[in-house]
Amino acid sequence: MTTIIVGLNVDITGGPQVNVPQVAIDVEAYDKIENKLSKGETKIAVQPENNEASFLLIKSSDYDPSGKLTYKPRGFEASPPPIHLDKPQIYLGAGAISSLLKDVTIITFTNNLDKEVSIEILVGRDGNPPTS
């Protein structure tokens, strides 16, 4: 068992501050994946089959608000539309991940930028998935 510690401070210029105290997420295993995305589609295996993720961070060397850099977790092939990678993205809790992203075993990234992009993925998960 290992623990992922996450904290967040939000400051709005001329407005309020919100501090989310550190949260400890206990996981049985974690994976850190680094990959370079050339132009086009790249499928990245994020975790072994039948695992439940309770933490997911997706970070890029470049972000694009126009939608030229996107991703779709497995199960999103038909709908909903891809998720724009316009800022670092973090998902906390198995419930949020399974509800919002469905299956994060494989994530398909689409890079329509005119340059290579480096992606970092950090996932915290079960270490011993149930067998069928």
C-alpha atoms as a PDB file:
ATOM      1  CA  MET A   1       0.000   0.000   0.000  1.00  0.00           C
ATOM      2  CA  THR A   2       1.206   3.498  -0.826  1.00  0.00           C
ATOM      3  CA  THR A   3      -0.327   6.935  -0.386  1.00  0.00           C
ATOM      4  CA  ILE A   4      -0.740   9.757  -2.879  1.00  0.00           C
ATOM      5  CA  ILE A   5      -0.994  13.161  -1.196  1.00  0.00           C
ATOM      6  CA  VAL A   6      -2.859  15.880  -3.111  1.00  0.00           C
ATOM      7  CA  GLY A   7      -3.435  19.509  -2.081  1.00  0.00           C
ATOM      8  CA  LEU A   8      -4.931  22.433  -3.959  1.00  0.00           C
ATOM      9  CA  ASN A   9      -4.909  26.215  -3.583  1.00  0.00           C
ATOM     10  CA  VAL A  10      -7.156  28.352  -5.771  1.00  0.00           C
ATOM     11  CA  ASP A  11      -6.608  32.118  -5.909  1.00  0.00           C
ATOM     12  CA  ILE A  12      -8.926  34.353  -7.925  1.00  0.00           C
ATOM     13  CA  THR A  13      -7.360  37.710  -8.794  1.00  0.00           C
ATOM     14  CA  GLY A  14      -9.271  40.312  -6.811  1.00  0.00           C
ATOM     15  CA  GLY A  15     -11.521  37.584  -5.454  1.00  0.00           C
ATOM     16  CA  PRO A  16     -11.635  34.764  -2.969  1.00  0.00           C
ATOM     17  CA  GLN A  17      -9.103  32.111  -2.153  1.00  0.00           C
ATOM     18  CA  VAL A  18     -10.099  28.501  -1.641  1.00  0.00           C
ATOM     19  CA  ASN A  19      -7.737  26.093   0.028  1.00  0.00           C
ATOM     20  CA  VAL A  20      -8.454  22.377  -0.203  1.00  0.00           C
ATOM     21  CA  PRO A  21      -6.459  20.706   2.558  1.00  0.00           C
ATOM     22  CA  GLN A  22      -4.229  17.833   1.602  1.00  0.00           C
ATOM     23  CA  VAL A  23      -6.084  14.636   0.853  1.00  0.00           C
ATOM     24  CA  ALA A  24      -4.494  11.215   1.250  1.00  0.00           C
ATOM     25  CA  ILE A  25      -5.452   8.627  -1.358  1.00  0.00           C
ATOM     26  CA  ASP A  26      -4.372   5.108  -0.434  1.00  0.00           C
ATOM     27  CA  VAL A  27      -3.569   2.968  -3.462  1.00  0.00           C
ATOM     28  CA  GLU A  28      -2.155  -0.511  -3.846  1.00  0.00           C
ATOM     29  CA  ALA A  29      -0.074   0.448  -6.888  1.00  0.00           C
ATOM     30  CA  TYR A  30       0.722   3.357  -9.170  1.00  0.00           C
ATOM     31  CA  ASP A  31       2.025   3.790 -12.671  1.00  0.00           C
ATOM     32  CA  LYS A  32       3.846   6.761 -14.166  1.00  0.00           C
ATOM     33  CA  ILE A  33       3.792   6.818 -17.940  1.00  0.00           C
ATOM     34  CA  GLU A  34       5.727   9.217 -20.139  1.00  0.00           C
ATOM     35  CA  ASN A  35       5.105   9.216 -23.855  1.00  0.00           C
ATOM     36  CA  LYS A  36       5.763  11.438 -26.852  1.00  0.00           C
ATOM     37  CA  LEU A  37       2.809  12.099 -29.118  1.00  0.00           C
ATOM     38  CA  SER A  38       3.564  12.657 -32.770  1.00  0.00           C
ATOM     39  CA  LYS A  39       0.845  14.079 -34.976  1.00  0.00           C
ATOM     40  CA  GLY A  40      -2.140  11.719 -35.178  1.00  0.00           C
ATOM     41  CA  GLU A  41      -3.603   9.148 -32.804  1.00  0.00           C
ATOM     42  CA  THR A  42      -1.705   7.319 -30.062  1.00  0.00           C
ATOM     43  CA  LYS A  43      -3.177   4.648 -27.767  1.00  0.00           C
ATOM     44  CA  ILE A  44      -1.520   4.488 -24.358  1.00  0.00           C
ATOM     45  CA  ALA A  45      -1.992   1.569 -21.948  1.00  0.00           C
ATOM     46  CA  VAL A  46      -2.455   3.292 -18.600  1.00  0.00           C
ATOM     47  CA  GLN A  47      -3.088   0.382 -16.235  1.00  0.00           C
ATOM     48  CA  PRO A  48      -3.720  -3.374 -16.323  1.00  0.00           C
ATOM     49  CA  GLU A  49      -7.183  -4.700 -17.160  1.00  0.00           C
ATOM     50  CA  ASN A  50      -9.869  -4.862 -14.436  1.00  0.00           C
ATOM     51  CA  ASN A  51      -8.162  -2.338 -12.155  1.00  0.00           C
ATOM     52  CA  GLU A  52     -10.035   0.471 -10.474  1.00  0.00           C
ATOM     53  CA  ALA A  53      -8.235   3.810 -10.602  1.00  0.00           C
ATOM     54  CA  SER A  54      -8.709   6.250  -7.718  1.00  0.00           C
ATOM     55  CA  PHE A  55      -6.257   8.910  -8.923  1.00  0.00           C
ATOM     56  CA  LEU A  56      -5.456  10.122 -12.438  1.00  0.00           C
ATOM     57  CA  LEU A  57      -3.252  13.022 -13.523  1.00  0.00           C
ATOM     58  CA  ILE A  58      -2.660  13.926 -17.174  1.00  0.00           C
ATOM     59  CA  LYS A  59       0.000  16.545 -17.878  1.00  0.00           C
ATOM     60  CA  SER A  60       1.385  17.759 -21.196  1.00  0.00           C
ATOM     61  CA  SER A  61       4.407  19.735 -22.382  1.00  0.00           C
ATOM     62  CA  ASP A  62       1.936  21.808 -24.423  1.00  0.00           C
ATOM     63  CA  TYR A  63      -1.766  22.574 -24.086  1.00  0.00           C
ATOM     64  CA  ASP A  64      -4.229  23.683 -26.713  1.00  0.00           C
ATOM     65  CA  PRO A  65      -7.538  25.453 -26.017  1.00  0.00           C
ATOM     66  CA  SER A  66      -8.721  25.058 -29.641  1.00  0.00           C
ATOM     67  CA  GLY A  67      -9.169  21.284 -29.374  1.00  0.00           C
ATOM     68  CA  LYS A  68      -6.197  20.127 -31.423  1.00  0.00           C
ATOM     69  CA  LEU A  69      -4.922  18.053 -28.485  1.00  0.00           C
ATOM     70  CA  THR A  70      -7.552  15.668 -27.097  1.00  0.00           C
ATOM     71  CA  TYR A  71      -8.007  12.314 -25.399  1.00  0.00           C
ATOM     72  CA  LYS A  72     -10.669   9.645 -25.063  1.00  0.00           C
ATOM     73  CA  PRO A  73     -10.647   6.874 -22.476  1.00  0.00           C
ATOM     74  CA  ARG A  74     -11.620   3.412 -23.693  1.00  0.00           C
ATOM     75  CA  GLY A  75     -15.393   3.213 -23.976  1.00  0.00           C
ATOM     76  CA  PHE A  76     -15.680   6.770 -25.331  1.00  0.00           C
ATOM     77  CA  GLU A  77     -15.146   5.688 -28.951  1.00  0.00           C
ATOM     78  CA  ALA A  78     -18.693   6.537 -30.090  1.00  0.00           C
ATOM     79  CA  SER A  79     -19.569   9.285 -27.611  1.00  0.00           C
ATOM     80  CA  PRO A  80     -19.192  11.608 -25.740  1.00  0.00           C
ATOM     81  CA  PRO A  81     -16.828  13.874 -27.665  1.00  0.00           C
ATOM     82  CA  PRO A  82     -13.100  13.789 -26.845  1.00  0.00           C
ATOM     83  CA  ILE A  83     -11.793  15.735 -23.862  1.00  0.00           C
ATOM     84  CA  HIS A  84      -9.681  18.779 -24.742  1.00  0.00           C
ATOM     85  CA  LEU A  85      -6.282  18.734 -23.083  1.00  0.00           C
ATOM     86  CA  ASP A  86      -6.168  22.478 -22.536  1.00  0.00           C
ATOM     87  CA  LYS A  87      -4.679  22.412 -19.001  1.00  0.00           C
ATOM     88  CA  PRO A  88      -3.291  19.753 -16.645  1.00  0.00           C
ATOM     89  CA  GLN A  89      -6.153  17.464 -15.647  1.00  0.00           C
ATOM     90  CA  ILE A  90      -6.600  15.661 -12.361  1.00  0.00           C
ATOM     91  CA  TYR A  91      -9.300  13.252 -11.243  1.00  0.00           C
ATOM     92  CA  LEU A  92      -9.660  12.209  -7.603  1.00  0.00           C
ATOM     93  CA  GLY A  93     -11.657   9.242  -6.355  1.00  0.00           C
ATOM     94  CA  ALA A  94     -12.714   5.967  -7.928  1.00  0.00           C
ATOM     95  CA  GLY A  95     -16.327   7.157  -8.156  1.00  0.00           C
ATOM     96  CA  ALA A  96     -15.462  10.281 -10.124  1.00  0.00           C
ATOM     97  CA  ILE A  97     -13.113   8.426 -12.451  1.00  0.00           C
ATOM     98  CA  SER A  98     -15.523   5.586 -13.224  1.00  0.00           C
ATOM     99  CA  SER A  99     -18.482   7.983 -13.632  1.00  0.00           C
ATOM    100  CA  LEU A 100     -16.744  10.617 -15.741  1.00  0.00           C
ATOM    101  CA  LEU A 101     -14.182   8.598 -17.679  1.00  0.00           C
ATOM    102  CA  LYS A 102     -15.534   5.022 -17.527  1.00  0.00           C
ATOM    103  CA  ASP A 103     -12.482   2.864 -18.360  1.00  0.00           C
ATOM    104  CA  VAL A 104      -8.978   4.329 -18.030  1.00  0.00           C
ATOM    105  CA  THR A 105      -7.210   1.107 -18.975  1.00  0.00           C
ATOM    106  CA  ILE A 106      -6.350   2.564 -22.393  1.00  0.00           C
ATOM    107  CA  ILE A 107      -6.512   6.243 -23.334  1.00  0.00           C
ATOM    108  CA  THR A 108      -6.371   7.365 -26.959  1.00  0.00           C
ATOM    109  CA  PHE A 109      -4.706  10.735 -27.503  1.00  0.00           C
ATOM    110  CA  THR A 110      -5.102  12.742 -30.696  1.00  0.00           C
ATOM    111  CA  ASN A 111      -2.436  15.316 -31.498  1.00  0.00           C
ATOM    112  CA  ASN A 112      -3.423  17.620 -34.370  1.00  0.00           C
ATOM    113  CA  LEU A 113      -0.773  20.187 -33.462  1.00  0.00           C
ATOM    114  CA  ASP A 114       2.129  20.746 -35.825  1.00  0.00           C
ATOM    115  CA  LYS A 115       4.627  19.544 -33.209  1.00  0.00           C
ATOM    116  CA  GLU A 116       5.397  16.591 -31.003  1.00  0.00           C
ATOM    117  CA  VAL A 117       3.990  16.777 -27.463  1.00  0.00           C
ATOM    118  CA  SER A 118       5.228  14.995 -24.324  1.00  0.00           C
ATOM    119  CA  ILE A 119       2.544  13.495 -22.074  1.00  0.00           C
ATOM    120  CA  GLU A 120       2.889  12.395 -18.443  1.00  0.00           C
ATOM    121  CA  ILE A 121       0.235  10.226 -16.846  1.00  0.00           C
ATOM    122  CA  LEU A 122       0.172   9.251 -13.187  1.00  0.00           C
ATOM    123  CA  VAL A 123      -2.446   6.738 -12.088  1.00  0.00           C
ATOM    124  CA  GLY A 124      -3.088   5.333  -8.617  1.00  0.00           C
ATOM    125  CA  ARG A 125      -4.972   2.033  -8.647  1.00  0.00           C
ATOM    126  CA  ASP A 126      -5.805  -1.352  -7.200  1.00  0.00           C
ATOM    127  CA  GLY A 127      -2.871  -3.710  -7.226  1.00  0.00           C
ATOM    128  CA  ASN A 128      -4.863  -6.949  -7.199  1.00  0.00           C
ATOM    129  CA  PRO A 129      -7.839  -6.716  -9.557  1.00  0.00           C
ATOM    130  CA  PRO A 130     -10.651  -9.242  -9.147  1.00  0.00           C
ATOM    131  CA  THR A 131     -10.506 -12.251 -11.446  1.00  0.00           C
ATOM    132  CA  SER A 132     -13.510 -13.217 -13.533  1.00  0.00           C
END
